[in-house]
Amino acid sequence: MKALLIILFFAFAELLQATAQQSHKKDGGRVALDKVSSLPEVRDFLREYQNRKAIAILNGSPDKDSKYYSVKVGISDMGMLSTNFNFYIHPKTYEIFYADYFTDQGEQILTLTQWRRFRKLPVWQKWHCYNYKGKNLIIYPCEP
């Protein structure tokens, strides 16, 4: 009987710990989603396309495959999301990064400063590549 009580106690303690960790993950995910939703570019997009069901969704939480929260922003239509923006958020600092997939190099992770600078350039609208010139990341046109 004593052994059964000890087993039940530890099982209950593990359940409480797992629940607390999940709750913390949800809170962190909510913070990540709120931070991305508060970006001026995202707020403008959500407002401009609200009639077309523009949304921001938490797409993933840190795990063994990814060390970041992932947030997608786009148009939700018929159960599908047409993604316009992909963001990663660091789980401890909540620093926001932009994930650029319109490159020949696969996913390119940019700081918000880089993203804001590059997205104003005409080359951003076309297939592009990145390279370093000294310590500076540069963007240039390239063929797919």
C-alpha atoms as a PDB file:
ATOM      1  CA  MET A   1       0.000   0.000   0.000  1.00  0.00           C
ATOM      2  CA  LYS A   2       2.827   2.371   0.911  1.00  0.00           C
ATOM      3  CA  ALA A   3       4.582   1.624  -2.398  1.00  0.00           C
ATOM      4  CA  LEU A   4       1.384   2.375  -4.306  1.00  0.00           C
ATOM      5  CA  LEU A   5       1.035   5.749  -2.573  1.00  0.00           C
ATOM      6  CA  ILE A   6       4.648   6.621  -3.388  1.00  0.00           C
ATOM      7  CA  ILE A   7       4.139   5.674  -7.058  1.00  0.00           C
ATOM      8  CA  LEU A   8       0.936   7.726  -7.219  1.00  0.00           C
ATOM      9  CA  PHE A   9       2.670  10.692  -5.586  1.00  0.00           C
ATOM     10  CA  PHE A  10       5.520  10.687  -8.139  1.00  0.00           C
ATOM     11  CA  ALA A  11       3.138  10.162 -11.042  1.00  0.00           C
ATOM     12  CA  PHE A  12       1.063  13.120  -9.868  1.00  0.00           C
ATOM     13  CA  ALA A  13       4.211  15.259  -9.409  1.00  0.00           C
ATOM     14  CA  GLU A  14       5.333  14.438 -12.972  1.00  0.00           C
ATOM     15  CA  LEU A  15       1.896  15.305 -14.304  1.00  0.00           C
ATOM     16  CA  LEU A  16       1.979  18.675 -12.523  1.00  0.00           C
ATOM     17  CA  GLN A  17       5.450  19.415 -13.882  1.00  0.00           C
ATOM     18  CA  ALA A  18       4.443  18.492 -17.456  1.00  0.00           C
ATOM     19  CA  THR A  19       1.332  20.672 -17.194  1.00  0.00           C
ATOM     20  CA  ALA A  20       3.385  23.598 -15.898  1.00  0.00           C
ATOM     21  CA  GLN A  21       5.869  23.214 -18.769  1.00  0.00           C
ATOM     22  CA  GLN A  22       3.044  23.118 -21.343  1.00  0.00           C
ATOM     23  CA  SER A  23       1.479  26.182 -19.775  1.00  0.00           C
ATOM     24  CA  HIS A  24       4.833  27.996 -19.966  1.00  0.00           C
ATOM     25  CA  LYS A  25       5.175  26.995 -23.645  1.00  0.00           C
ATOM     26  CA  LYS A  26       1.718  28.355 -24.386  1.00  0.00           C
ATOM     27  CA  ASP A  27       2.541  31.596 -22.596  1.00  0.00           C
ATOM     28  CA  GLY A  28       5.802  31.921 -24.550  1.00  0.00           C
ATOM     29  CA  GLY A  29       3.984  31.150 -27.779  1.00  0.00           C
ATOM     30  CA  ARG A  30       1.379  33.770 -26.976  1.00  0.00           C
ATOM     31  CA  VAL A  31       4.110  36.326 -26.276  1.00  0.00           C
ATOM     32  CA  ALA A  32       5.830  35.436 -29.570  1.00  0.00           C
ATOM     33  CA  LEU A  33       2.566  35.760 -31.504  1.00  0.00           C
ATOM     34  CA  ASP A  34       1.736  39.075 -29.818  1.00  0.00           C
ATOM     35  CA  LYS A  35       5.209  40.487 -30.554  1.00  0.00           C
ATOM     36  CA  VAL A  36       4.954  39.618 -34.251  1.00  0.00           C
ATOM     37  CA  SER A  37       1.371  40.910 -34.432  1.00  0.00           C
ATOM     38  CA  SER A  38       2.540  44.237 -33.015  1.00  0.00           C
ATOM     39  CA  LEU A  39       5.101  44.828 -35.785  1.00  0.00           C
ATOM     40  CA  PRO A  40       3.970  47.824 -37.896  1.00  0.00           C
ATOM     41  CA  GLU A  41       4.320  45.830 -41.124  1.00  0.00           C
ATOM     42  CA  VAL A  42       2.167  43.013 -39.769  1.00  0.00           C
ATOM     43  CA  ARG A  43      -0.431  45.349 -38.260  1.00  0.00           C
ATOM     44  CA  ASP A  44      -0.714  47.154 -41.625  1.00  0.00           C
ATOM     45  CA  PHE A  45      -1.044  43.845 -43.495  1.00  0.00           C
ATOM     46  CA  LEU A  46      -3.702  42.495 -41.108  1.00  0.00           C
ATOM     47  CA  ARG A  47      -5.664  45.745 -41.361  1.00  0.00           C
ATOM     48  CA  GLU A  48      -5.352  46.035 -45.152  1.00  0.00           C
ATOM     49  CA  TYR A  49      -6.436  42.440 -45.801  1.00  0.00           C
ATOM     50  CA  GLN A  50      -8.920  41.930 -42.967  1.00  0.00           C
ATOM     51  CA  ASN A  51     -11.747  41.397 -45.492  1.00  0.00           C
ATOM     52  CA  ARG A  52      -9.740  38.524 -46.978  1.00  0.00           C
ATOM     53  CA  LYS A  53      -9.262  36.814 -43.588  1.00  0.00           C
ATOM     54  CA  ALA A  54      -5.699  37.928 -42.884  1.00  0.00           C
ATOM     55  CA  ILE A  55      -4.322  36.180 -39.803  1.00  0.00           C
ATOM     56  CA  ALA A  56      -1.154  35.614 -37.791  1.00  0.00           C
ATOM     57  CA  ILE A  57      -0.738  32.104 -36.391  1.00  0.00           C
ATOM     58  CA  LEU A  58       1.741  30.363 -34.139  1.00  0.00           C
ATOM     59  CA  ASN A  59       3.172  27.704 -36.432  1.00  0.00           C
ATOM     60  CA  GLY A  60       5.618  26.008 -34.085  1.00  0.00           C
ATOM     61  CA  SER A  61       7.286  26.069 -30.706  1.00  0.00           C
ATOM     62  CA  PRO A  62      10.892  25.373 -29.778  1.00  0.00           C
ATOM     63  CA  ASP A  63      11.685  21.663 -29.800  1.00  0.00           C
ATOM     64  CA  LYS A  64      14.481  19.294 -30.806  1.00  0.00           C
ATOM     65  CA  ASP A  65      14.123  20.295 -34.487  1.00  0.00           C
ATOM     66  CA  SER A  66      13.818  24.073 -34.101  1.00  0.00           C
ATOM     67  CA  LYS A  67      15.112  26.395 -31.425  1.00  0.00           C
ATOM     68  CA  TYR A  68      12.586  29.141 -32.237  1.00  0.00           C
ATOM     69  CA  TYR A  69       8.905  29.900 -32.135  1.00  0.00           C
ATOM     70  CA  SER A  70       7.548  30.152 -35.669  1.00  0.00           C
ATOM     71  CA  VAL A  71       4.817  32.607 -36.663  1.00  0.00           C
ATOM     72  CA  LYS A  72       3.217  32.819 -40.100  1.00  0.00           C
ATOM     73  CA  VAL A  73       1.212  35.773 -41.354  1.00  0.00           C
ATOM     74  CA  GLY A  74      -1.016  35.478 -44.391  1.00  0.00           C
ATOM     75  CA  ILE A  75      -4.454  35.053 -45.910  1.00  0.00           C
ATOM     76  CA  SER A  76      -6.605  32.188 -44.646  1.00  0.00           C
ATOM     77  CA  ASP A  77      -8.844  30.816 -47.347  1.00  0.00           C
ATOM     78  CA  MET A  78     -10.814  27.570 -47.402  1.00  0.00           C
ATOM     79  CA  GLY A  79      -8.744  26.009 -44.639  1.00  0.00           C
ATOM     80  CA  MET A  80      -5.420  26.909 -46.240  1.00  0.00           C
ATOM     81  CA  LEU A  81      -2.964  29.662 -45.379  1.00  0.00           C
ATOM     82  CA  SER A  82      -1.333  31.639 -48.161  1.00  0.00           C
ATOM     83  CA  THR A  83       1.741  32.827 -46.269  1.00  0.00           C
ATOM     84  CA  ASN A  84       3.050  36.349 -46.823  1.00  0.00           C
ATOM     85  CA  PHE A  85       5.478  36.587 -43.888  1.00  0.00           C
ATOM     86  CA  ASN A  86       7.454  33.966 -41.947  1.00  0.00           C
ATOM     87  CA  PHE A  87       8.980  34.923 -38.622  1.00  0.00           C
ATOM     88  CA  TYR A  88      11.120  33.159 -36.033  1.00  0.00           C
ATOM     89  CA  ILE A  89      11.182  34.333 -32.438  1.00  0.00           C
ATOM     90  CA  HIS A  90      13.949  33.489 -29.990  1.00  0.00           C
ATOM     91  CA  PRO A  91      12.300  31.842 -26.945  1.00  0.00           C
ATOM     92  CA  LYS A  92      14.432  33.591 -24.311  1.00  0.00           C
ATOM     93  CA  THR A  93      15.003  37.066 -25.743  1.00  0.00           C
ATOM     94  CA  TYR A  94      11.896  37.203 -27.979  1.00  0.00           C
ATOM     95  CA  GLU A  95      14.059  38.747 -30.695  1.00  0.00           C
ATOM     96  CA  ILE A  96      12.210  38.518 -34.018  1.00  0.00           C
ATOM     97  CA  PHE A  97      13.796  37.254 -37.231  1.00  0.00           C
ATOM     98  CA  TYR A  98      12.385  37.116 -40.743  1.00  0.00           C
ATOM     99  CA  ALA A  99      12.660  33.894 -42.766  1.00  0.00           C
ATOM    100  CA  ASP A 100      13.172  34.611 -46.472  1.00  0.00           C
ATOM    101  CA  TYR A 101      12.446  31.670 -48.795  1.00  0.00           C
ATOM    102  CA  PHE A 102      12.601  33.563 -52.098  1.00  0.00           C
ATOM    103  CA  THR A 103      16.298  32.796 -52.569  1.00  0.00           C
ATOM    104  CA  ASP A 104      18.345  30.170 -54.345  1.00  0.00           C
ATOM    105  CA  GLN A 105      20.068  29.383 -51.052  1.00  0.00           C
ATOM    106  CA  GLY A 106      17.035  28.001 -49.266  1.00  0.00           C
ATOM    107  CA  GLU A 107      15.862  29.665 -46.101  1.00  0.00           C
ATOM    108  CA  GLN A 108      17.744  32.857 -45.223  1.00  0.00           C
ATOM    109  CA  ILE A 109      17.235  34.166 -41.691  1.00  0.00           C
ATOM    110  CA  LEU A 110      17.349  37.954 -41.445  1.00  0.00           C
ATOM    111  CA  THR A 111      17.236  40.335 -38.517  1.00  0.00           C
ATOM    112  CA  LEU A 112      14.326  42.760 -38.566  1.00  0.00           C
ATOM    113  CA  THR A 113      16.747  45.559 -39.475  1.00  0.00           C
ATOM    114  CA  GLN A 114      18.047  43.615 -42.481  1.00  0.00           C
ATOM    115  CA  TRP A 115      14.548  42.633 -43.568  1.00  0.00           C
ATOM    116  CA  ARG A 116      13.261  46.192 -43.344  1.00  0.00           C
ATOM    117  CA  ARG A 117      16.205  47.471 -45.372  1.00  0.00           C
ATOM    118  CA  PHE A 118      16.096  44.744 -48.043  1.00  0.00           C
ATOM    119  CA  ARG A 119      12.323  44.681 -48.597  1.00  0.00           C
ATOM    120  CA  LYS A 120      12.445  48.293 -49.824  1.00  0.00           C
ATOM    121  CA  LEU A 121      14.825  47.347 -52.660  1.00  0.00           C
ATOM    122  CA  PRO A 122      13.536  46.403 -56.138  1.00  0.00           C
ATOM    123  CA  VAL A 123      15.601  43.184 -56.039  1.00  0.00           C
ATOM    124  CA  TRP A 124      13.449  41.962 -53.115  1.00  0.00           C
ATOM    125  CA  GLN A 125      10.495  41.402 -55.465  1.00  0.00           C
ATOM    126  CA  LYS A 126      12.533  39.018 -57.636  1.00  0.00           C
ATOM    127  CA  TRP A 127      14.486  35.838 -57.043  1.00  0.00           C
ATOM    128  CA  HIS A 128      17.540  36.958 -55.070  1.00  0.00           C
ATOM    129  CA  CYS A 129      20.729  35.803 -53.379  1.00  0.00           C
ATOM    130  CA  TYR A 130      22.709  36.894 -50.356  1.00  0.00           C
ATOM    131  CA  ASN A 131      26.414  37.239 -49.769  1.00  0.00           C
ATOM    132  CA  TYR A 132      28.696  38.988 -47.332  1.00  0.00           C
ATOM    133  CA  LYS A 133      30.777  41.948 -48.368  1.00  0.00           C
ATOM    134  CA  GLY A 134      33.089  42.335 -45.422  1.00  0.00           C
ATOM    135  CA  LYS A 135      30.795  42.136 -42.417  1.00  0.00           C
ATOM    136  CA  ASN A 136      27.734  43.390 -44.291  1.00  0.00           C
ATOM    137  CA  LEU A 137      25.097  41.083 -45.731  1.00  0.00           C
ATOM    138  CA  ILE A 138      24.182  42.173 -49.251  1.00  0.00           C
ATOM    139  CA  ILE A 139      21.333  41.144 -51.519  1.00  0.00           C
ATOM    140  CA  TYR A 140      21.602  40.819 -55.301  1.00  0.00           C
ATOM    141  CA  PRO A 141      19.544  39.383 -58.182  1.00  0.00           C
ATOM    142  CA  CYS A 142      20.221  35.820 -59.266  1.00  0.00           C
ATOM    143  CA  GLU A 143      18.622  33.158 -61.452  1.00  0.00           C
ATOM    144  CA  PRO A 144      16.465  30.419 -59.907  1.00  0.00           C
END
